[in-house]
Amino acid sequence: MALAMTTKHHLWLKRGTQEQVKKDIPTALSCDSNAAIDVAYNAKLNDRSKHIDIAYHFTREQIDQGNVSVMYVPSEEKLADICTKGMTRYVNDHLCSKIFGSK
């Protein structure tokens, strides 16, 4: 569900940016859930995933059309988490160094 929402937001931002710069901008989404990536790329649903049917089809459709791609990024490497999650000082310092360069 979160991947589908992220896909919608990225497409909205991509379209707005393309209007400004007048060129195609590739969109790569990062996800820390292998299960969500598997559902997005593979056309199989099981009984436990029926509730995400519409969101799944939307994300899969965007991947098939080449509008987005999804890649696995471990939670410890997701730069956005510095703004959204509590973390240890080590992880915080590591992400800060990736954003702002080495200390």
Protein backbone atom coordinates (compact mmCIF):
# COMPACT_ATOMS: atom_id res chain seq x y z
CA MET A 1 0.00 0.00 0.00
CA ALA A 2 2.83 2.39 0.89
CA LEU A 3 4.59 1.60 -2.38
CA ALA A 4 1.44 2.46 -4.35
CA MET A 5 1.09 5.78 -2.49
CA THR A 6 4.76 6.56 -3.09
CA THR A 7 4.33 5.73 -6.78
CA LYS A 8 1.44 8.21 -7.02
CA HIS A 9 3.46 10.95 -5.31
CA HIS A 10 6.51 10.35 -7.47
CA LEU A 11 4.47 10.47 -10.67
CA TRP A 12 2.90 13.75 -9.56
CA LEU A 13 6.33 15.25 -8.80
CA LYS A 14 7.78 13.85 -12.02
CA ARG A 15 5.04 15.42 -14.14
CA GLY A 16 5.46 18.79 -12.43
CA THR A 17 9.22 18.71 -12.87
CA GLN A 18 8.96 17.67 -16.51
CA GLU A 19 6.79 20.70 -17.21
CA GLN A 20 9.62 22.90 -15.92
CA VAL A 21 12.66 21.25 -17.52
CA LYS A 22 10.97 19.84 -20.64
CA LYS A 23 12.71 16.45 -20.57
CA ASP A 24 11.96 12.95 -19.38
CA ILE A 25 13.19 12.23 -15.87
CA PRO A 26 13.53 8.60 -14.78
CA THR A 27 11.96 7.74 -11.45
CA ALA A 28 13.50 5.12 -9.17
CA LEU A 29 11.70 4.28 -5.95
CA SER A 30 13.56 2.76 -3.03
CA CYS A 31 11.83 0.23 -0.82
CA ASP A 32 13.05 -1.69 2.21
CA SER A 33 10.50 -4.50 1.83
CA ASN A 34 11.42 -7.39 -0.43
CA ALA A 35 7.83 -8.63 -0.16
CA ALA A 36 6.45 -5.34 -1.54
CA ILE A 37 8.97 -5.42 -4.40
CA ASP A 38 8.04 -9.03 -5.22
CA VAL A 39 4.34 -8.14 -5.32
CA ALA A 40 5.05 -5.10 -7.51
CA TYR A 41 7.10 -7.04 -10.07
CA ASN A 42 5.41 -10.46 -10.04
CA ALA A 43 1.89 -11.10 -11.23
CA LYS A 44 0.93 -13.41 -8.38
CA LEU A 45 -1.32 -12.61 -5.45
CA ASN A 46 -2.23 -14.90 -2.60
CA ASP A 47 -5.17 -14.88 -0.20
CA ARG A 48 -3.38 -12.59 2.23
CA SER A 49 -2.69 -9.92 -0.41
CA LYS A 50 -6.14 -9.57 -1.99
CA HIS A 51 -6.83 -6.34 -0.07
CA ILE A 52 -4.03 -4.60 -1.98
CA ASP A 53 -5.32 -5.66 -5.39
CA ILE A 54 -6.03 -2.16 -6.79
CA ALA A 55 -2.87 -0.58 -5.41
CA TYR A 56 -0.83 -3.54 -6.65
CA HIS A 57 -2.21 -3.22 -10.17
CA PHE A 58 -1.52 0.52 -10.26
CA THR A 59 2.12 0.11 -9.20
CA ARG A 60 2.67 -2.87 -11.50
CA GLU A 61 1.13 -0.95 -14.42
CA GLN A 62 3.50 1.99 -13.84
CA ILE A 63 6.50 -0.37 -13.70
CA ASP A 64 5.39 -2.12 -16.93
CA GLN A 65 4.99 1.27 -18.65
CA GLY A 66 8.49 2.28 -17.57
CA ASN A 67 7.29 5.24 -15.51
CA VAL A 68 8.93 3.97 -12.31
CA SER A 69 11.35 1.32 -11.18
CA VAL A 70 11.67 -0.10 -7.69
CA MET A 71 14.93 -1.05 -6.04
CA TYR A 72 15.72 -2.55 -2.67
CA VAL A 73 17.46 -0.27 -0.19
CA PRO A 74 17.97 -1.54 3.38
CA SER A 75 16.36 0.54 6.14
CA GLU A 76 19.80 1.51 7.45
CA GLU A 77 20.60 3.22 4.13
CA LYS A 78 17.34 5.11 3.49
CA LEU A 79 18.20 8.79 3.70
CA ALA A 80 14.59 9.89 4.28
CA ASP A 81 14.47 7.91 7.52
CA ILE A 82 16.62 10.55 9.20
CA CYS A 83 13.56 12.82 9.11
CA THR A 84 10.90 10.26 9.94
CA LYS A 85 12.30 7.71 12.42
CA GLY A 86 14.11 7.57 15.69
CA MET A 87 17.52 5.97 15.31
CA THR A 88 20.77 5.36 17.12
CA ARG A 89 23.48 7.98 17.03
CA TYR A 90 25.65 5.72 14.84
CA VAL A 91 22.92 5.34 12.19
CA ASN A 92 22.09 9.05 12.41
CA ASP A 93 25.75 10.02 11.93
CA HIS A 94 26.08 7.55 9.05
CA LEU A 95 23.06 8.99 7.21
CA CYS A 96 24.18 12.57 7.90
CA SER A 97 27.57 11.81 6.39
CA LYS A 98 25.85 10.45 3.26
CA ILE A 99 23.76 13.60 2.95
CA PHE A 100 26.32 16.24 3.88
CA GLY A 101 29.56 14.46 3.06
CA SER A 102 32.25 13.18 5.38
CA LYS A 103 32.83 14.89 8.70
